[in-house]
Structures are given as structure tokens and as C-alpha cells.
Amino acid sequence: MSELVGHEITKHQLDSWTAESRDGWRFPVVYLPAFEAAIESHELTAFIASLRGAKLYIGKEALMAQLGKLEAAKDQLRRQEVALKRLLGD
């Protein structure tokens, strides 16, 4: 995390942010991407997305979703093209 955020984050800081006995301490959300990278996970981001009614796609799954959007857009454009040609009498 320290390398990713550009300054040292110590074990003591992590312990303070997560200890049940430390009510006044909270994990700074600005460090969430670095934390997830350090633990090689996307679970927290996926959880936050789900709370907002969204879904997180990673890697091939993200590419497949984008491909699906492009295919849907092409279909919509084809339907519009056909409708315009009908109006023009082609």
C-alpha cells in the first residue's frame, strides 16, 4: 500500500483503523484501491458497487460486457436505419 499511495502506511496504522476497540478511527476510503491491490482482491469494490445497484466486471468479463453493449447499439442502429429507409420509400 505504501508504494501505491506514495507514503508509508504502517502495520500500526492498519491495526488502528480496523481494531474494534478504536471507535474514533476509521479506514480512510482514499486508501481502498491500494488496499485491494495489496491483497489482490476486488471484493470491496464489488460490494460497494452492489450497494449502489451496480455490478463490477473485471478482465474478460468486462470486455464481454462492453462487446454486448456494442452489439446492442449496432442492433439499435440497424433498426433505426430500416425505419428511416421505410419512411423514404426505399
N, C-alpha and C. Protein backbone atom coordinates (compact mmCIF):
# COMPACT_ATOMS: atom_id res chain seq x y z
N MET A 1 0.83 -1.19 0.00
CA MET A 1 0.00 0.00 0.00
C MET A 1 0.86 1.25 0.00
N SER A 2 1.94 1.21 0.77
CA SER A 2 2.80 2.39 0.86
C SER A 2 3.32 2.80 -0.51
N GLU A 3 3.75 1.84 -1.30
CA GLU A 3 4.26 2.15 -2.64
C GLU A 3 3.16 2.75 -3.51
N LEU A 4 1.97 2.25 -3.39
CA LEU A 4 0.87 2.70 -4.23
C LEU A 4 0.35 4.10 -3.86
N VAL A 5 0.40 4.45 -2.58
CA VAL A 5 -0.11 5.76 -2.17
C VAL A 5 0.99 6.81 -2.07
N GLY A 6 2.24 6.39 -2.11
CA GLY A 6 3.35 7.35 -2.12
C GLY A 6 3.85 7.78 -0.76
N HIS A 7 3.37 7.15 0.30
CA HIS A 7 3.92 7.41 1.63
C HIS A 7 3.69 6.18 2.50
N GLU A 8 4.42 6.13 3.60
CA GLU A 8 4.39 4.92 4.43
C GLU A 8 3.06 4.75 5.15
N ILE A 9 2.55 3.54 5.07
CA ILE A 9 1.39 3.12 5.86
C ILE A 9 1.88 1.94 6.68
N THR A 10 1.85 2.10 7.99
CA THR A 10 2.43 1.10 8.87
C THR A 10 1.39 0.06 9.31
N LYS A 11 1.91 -1.04 9.82
CA LYS A 11 1.03 -2.06 10.39
C LYS A 11 0.23 -1.47 11.55
N HIS A 12 0.88 -0.60 12.32
CA HIS A 12 0.19 0.05 13.44
C HIS A 12 -1.01 0.86 12.94
N GLN A 13 -0.85 1.57 11.82
CA GLN A 13 -1.98 2.33 11.27
C GLN A 13 -3.11 1.39 10.86
N LEU A 14 -2.75 0.32 10.16
CA LEU A 14 -3.77 -0.65 9.75
C LEU A 14 -4.50 -1.22 10.95
N ASP A 15 -3.73 -1.57 11.99
CA ASP A 15 -4.34 -2.11 13.21
C ASP A 15 -5.27 -1.08 13.85
N SER A 16 -4.85 0.18 13.88
CA SER A 16 -5.67 1.24 14.48
C SER A 16 -6.96 1.43 13.71
N TRP A 17 -6.88 1.39 12.40
CA TRP A 17 -8.07 1.61 11.57
C TRP A 17 -9.08 0.48 11.70
N THR A 18 -8.61 -0.72 12.00
CA THR A 18 -9.51 -1.88 11.98
C THR A 18 -9.85 -2.45 13.36
N ALA A 19 -9.21 -1.96 14.40
CA ALA A 19 -9.45 -2.50 15.75
C ALA A 19 -10.84 -2.12 16.26
N GLU A 20 -11.55 -3.10 16.78
CA GLU A 20 -12.88 -2.84 17.35
C GLU A 20 -12.80 -1.88 18.53
N SER A 21 -11.68 -1.89 19.24
CA SER A 21 -11.52 -1.04 20.42
C SER A 21 -11.26 0.42 20.07
N ARG A 22 -11.03 0.72 18.80
CA ARG A 22 -10.70 2.09 18.38
C ARG A 22 -11.88 2.72 17.64
N ASP A 23 -12.90 3.10 18.40
CA ASP A 23 -14.11 3.65 17.80
C ASP A 23 -13.87 4.91 16.97
N GLY A 24 -12.93 5.74 17.37
CA GLY A 24 -12.71 7.00 16.69
C GLY A 24 -11.88 6.88 15.42
N TRP A 25 -11.38 5.72 15.13
CA TRP A 25 -10.51 5.52 13.96
C TRP A 25 -11.28 4.81 12.87
N ARG A 26 -11.15 5.29 11.66
CA ARG A 26 -11.79 4.66 10.51
C ARG A 26 -10.76 4.51 9.40
N PHE A 27 -10.89 3.47 8.62
CA PHE A 27 -10.02 3.26 7.48
C PHE A 27 -10.31 4.33 6.44
N PRO A 28 -9.32 5.10 6.01
CA PRO A 28 -9.56 6.14 5.00
C PRO A 28 -9.91 5.52 3.65
N VAL A 29 -11.09 5.84 3.13
CA VAL A 29 -11.56 5.24 1.89
C VAL A 29 -10.64 5.57 0.72
N VAL A 30 -9.90 6.66 0.81
CA VAL A 30 -8.97 7.02 -0.26
C VAL A 30 -7.89 5.94 -0.44
N TYR A 31 -7.66 5.13 0.58
CA TYR A 31 -6.67 4.06 0.50
C TYR A 31 -7.25 2.73 0.01
N LEU A 32 -8.55 2.68 -0.22
CA LEU A 32 -9.19 1.43 -0.62
C LEU A 32 -8.59 0.81 -1.88
N PRO A 33 -8.37 1.56 -2.96
CA PRO A 33 -7.76 0.92 -4.14
C PRO A 33 -6.39 0.31 -3.85
N ALA A 34 -5.56 1.01 -3.08
CA ALA A 34 -4.24 0.48 -2.74
C ALA A 34 -4.36 -0.76 -1.86
N PHE A 35 -5.30 -0.74 -0.92
CA PHE A 35 -5.52 -1.91 -0.06
C PHE A 35 -5.93 -3.11 -0.89
N GLU A 36 -6.90 -2.91 -1.80
CA GLU A 36 -7.34 -4.03 -2.63
C GLU A 36 -6.22 -4.54 -3.52
N ALA A 37 -5.41 -3.66 -4.07
CA ALA A 37 -4.28 -4.09 -4.89
C ALA A 37 -3.30 -4.90 -4.05
N ALA A 38 -3.05 -4.45 -2.82
CA ALA A 38 -2.10 -5.15 -1.94
C ALA A 38 -2.58 -6.55 -1.59
N ILE A 39 -3.89 -6.72 -1.45
CA ILE A 39 -4.41 -8.05 -1.09
C ILE A 39 -4.91 -8.82 -2.31
N GLU A 40 -4.71 -8.22 -3.50
CA GLU A 40 -5.09 -8.85 -4.77
C GLU A 40 -6.56 -9.27 -4.78
N SER A 41 -7.42 -8.30 -4.52
CA SER A 41 -8.86 -8.55 -4.46
C SER A 41 -9.63 -7.38 -5.07
N HIS A 42 -10.86 -7.65 -5.46
CA HIS A 42 -11.79 -6.62 -5.89
C HIS A 42 -13.09 -6.72 -5.10
N GLU A 43 -13.08 -7.51 -4.05
CA GLU A 43 -14.30 -7.80 -3.31
C GLU A 43 -14.94 -6.56 -2.68
N LEU A 44 -14.14 -5.67 -2.14
CA LEU A 44 -14.71 -4.48 -1.51
C LEU A 44 -15.34 -3.56 -2.54
N THR A 45 -14.68 -3.38 -3.67
CA THR A 45 -15.24 -2.56 -4.73
C THR A 45 -16.52 -3.18 -5.27
N ALA A 46 -16.52 -4.51 -5.43
CA ALA A 46 -17.73 -5.20 -5.89
C ALA A 46 -18.86 -5.04 -4.88
N PHE A 47 -18.53 -5.09 -3.60
CA PHE A 47 -19.53 -4.92 -2.54
C PHE A 47 -20.12 -3.51 -2.60
N ILE A 48 -19.26 -2.50 -2.73
CA ILE A 48 -19.73 -1.12 -2.81
C ILE A 48 -20.61 -0.95 -4.05
N ALA A 49 -20.19 -1.52 -5.17
CA ALA A 49 -21.00 -1.43 -6.40
C ALA A 49 -22.37 -2.06 -6.17
N SER A 50 -22.41 -3.21 -5.50
CA SER A 50 -23.70 -3.88 -5.28
C SER A 50 -24.61 -3.04 -4.39
N LEU A 51 -24.05 -2.32 -3.45
CA LEU A 51 -24.87 -1.45 -2.61
C LEU A 51 -25.52 -0.33 -3.42
N ARG A 52 -24.89 0.03 -4.52
CA ARG A 52 -25.41 1.09 -5.40
C ARG A 52 -26.23 0.52 -6.54
N GLY A 53 -26.48 -0.79 -6.54
CA GLY A 53 -27.27 -1.42 -7.59
C GLY A 53 -26.48 -1.67 -8.86
N ALA A 54 -25.17 -1.73 -8.75
CA ALA A 54 -24.30 -1.94 -9.90
C ALA A 54 -23.56 -3.26 -9.77
N LYS A 55 -22.85 -3.63 -10.82
CA LYS A 55 -22.05 -4.85 -10.81
C LYS A 55 -20.67 -4.51 -11.35
N LEU A 56 -19.65 -5.05 -10.72
CA LEU A 56 -18.27 -4.82 -11.12
C LEU A 56 -17.83 -5.95 -12.04
N TYR A 57 -17.36 -5.59 -13.22
CA TYR A 57 -16.82 -6.56 -14.15
C TYR A 57 -15.32 -6.33 -14.27
N ILE A 58 -14.54 -7.41 -14.25
CA ILE A 58 -13.08 -7.36 -14.29
C ILE A 58 -12.58 -8.21 -15.45
N GLY A 59 -11.56 -7.74 -16.12
CA GLY A 59 -10.88 -8.54 -17.15
C GLY A 59 -11.79 -8.94 -18.29
N LYS A 60 -11.79 -10.24 -18.61
CA LYS A 60 -12.56 -10.75 -19.74
C LYS A 60 -14.05 -10.48 -19.58
N GLU A 61 -14.53 -10.56 -18.36
CA GLU A 61 -15.95 -10.29 -18.09
C GLU A 61 -16.30 -8.84 -18.47
N ALA A 62 -15.40 -7.90 -18.21
CA ALA A 62 -15.62 -6.51 -18.57
C ALA A 62 -15.62 -6.34 -20.09
N LEU A 63 -14.70 -7.03 -20.75
CA LEU A 63 -14.64 -6.96 -22.21
C LEU A 63 -15.89 -7.55 -22.84
N MET A 64 -16.38 -8.65 -22.29
CA MET A 64 -17.60 -9.27 -22.81
C MET A 64 -18.80 -8.33 -22.61
N ALA A 65 -18.86 -7.65 -21.49
CA ALA A 65 -19.96 -6.70 -21.25
C ALA A 65 -19.89 -5.56 -22.25
N GLN A 66 -18.69 -5.06 -22.51
CA GLN A 66 -18.55 -3.97 -23.48
C GLN A 66 -18.93 -4.45 -24.88
N LEU A 67 -18.54 -5.67 -25.23
CA LEU A 67 -18.90 -6.23 -26.53
C LEU A 67 -20.43 -6.35 -26.64
N GLY A 68 -21.07 -6.78 -25.58
CA GLY A 68 -22.53 -6.87 -25.57
C GLY A 68 -23.19 -5.51 -25.79
N LYS A 69 -22.64 -4.47 -25.16
CA LYS A 69 -23.17 -3.12 -25.35
C LYS A 69 -23.02 -2.68 -26.80
N LEU A 70 -21.87 -2.99 -27.41
CA LEU A 70 -21.64 -2.62 -28.80
C LEU A 70 -22.61 -3.35 -29.73
N GLU A 71 -22.83 -4.64 -29.48
CA GLU A 71 -23.76 -5.42 -30.29
C GLU A 71 -25.17 -4.85 -30.17
N ALA A 72 -25.57 -4.49 -28.97
CA ALA A 72 -26.91 -3.92 -28.76
C ALA A 72 -27.03 -2.58 -29.48
N ALA A 73 -25.98 -1.78 -29.44
CA ALA A 73 -26.00 -0.49 -30.13
C ALA A 73 -26.09 -0.68 -31.64
N LYS A 74 -25.36 -1.66 -32.18
CA LYS A 74 -25.42 -1.94 -33.61
C LYS A 74 -26.83 -2.38 -34.01
N ASP A 75 -27.44 -3.23 -33.21
CA ASP A 75 -28.82 -3.67 -33.49
C ASP A 75 -29.77 -2.49 -33.49
N GLN A 76 -29.63 -1.60 -32.52
CA GLN A 76 -30.48 -0.41 -32.44
C GLN A 76 -30.28 0.47 -33.68
N LEU A 77 -29.04 0.66 -34.11
CA LEU A 77 -28.78 1.46 -35.31
C LEU A 77 -29.35 0.80 -36.56
N ARG A 78 -29.26 -0.53 -36.65
CA ARG A 78 -29.85 -1.24 -37.80
C ARG A 78 -31.36 -1.02 -37.85
N ARG A 79 -32.02 -1.11 -36.70
CA ARG A 79 -33.47 -0.89 -36.65
C ARG A 79 -33.82 0.54 -37.06
N GLN A 80 -33.05 1.50 -36.60
CA GLN A 80 -33.29 2.89 -36.99
C GLN A 80 -33.06 3.08 -38.49
N GLU A 81 -32.04 2.45 -39.03
CA GLU A 81 -31.75 2.55 -40.46
C GLU A 81 -32.91 1.99 -41.29
N VAL A 82 -33.41 0.83 -40.90
CA VAL A 82 -34.53 0.22 -41.60
C VAL A 82 -35.76 1.11 -41.54
N ALA A 83 -36.03 1.67 -40.37
CA ALA A 83 -37.20 2.54 -40.21
C ALA A 83 -37.08 3.79 -41.09
N LEU A 84 -35.89 4.38 -41.14
CA LEU A 84 -35.70 5.57 -41.99
C LEU A 84 -35.84 5.24 -43.47
N LYS A 85 -35.32 4.10 -43.87
CA LYS A 85 -35.43 3.70 -45.28
C LYS A 85 -36.88 3.46 -45.65
N ARG A 86 -37.67 2.89 -44.73
CA ARG A 86 -39.09 2.69 -44.99
C ARG A 86 -39.79 4.04 -45.17
N LEU A 87 -39.46 5.00 -44.32
CA LEU A 87 -40.06 6.34 -44.43
C LEU A 87 -39.69 7.01 -45.76
N LEU A 88 -38.49 6.73 -46.24
CA LEU A 88 -38.04 7.31 -47.50
C LEU A 88 -38.57 6.54 -48.72
N GLY A 89 -39.16 5.38 -48.48
CA GLY A 89 -39.73 4.58 -49.57
C GLY A 89 -38.72 3.71 -50.26
N ASP A 90 -37.60 3.45 -49.63
CA ASP A 90 -36.59 2.58 -50.25
C ASP A 90 -36.93 1.11 -50.05
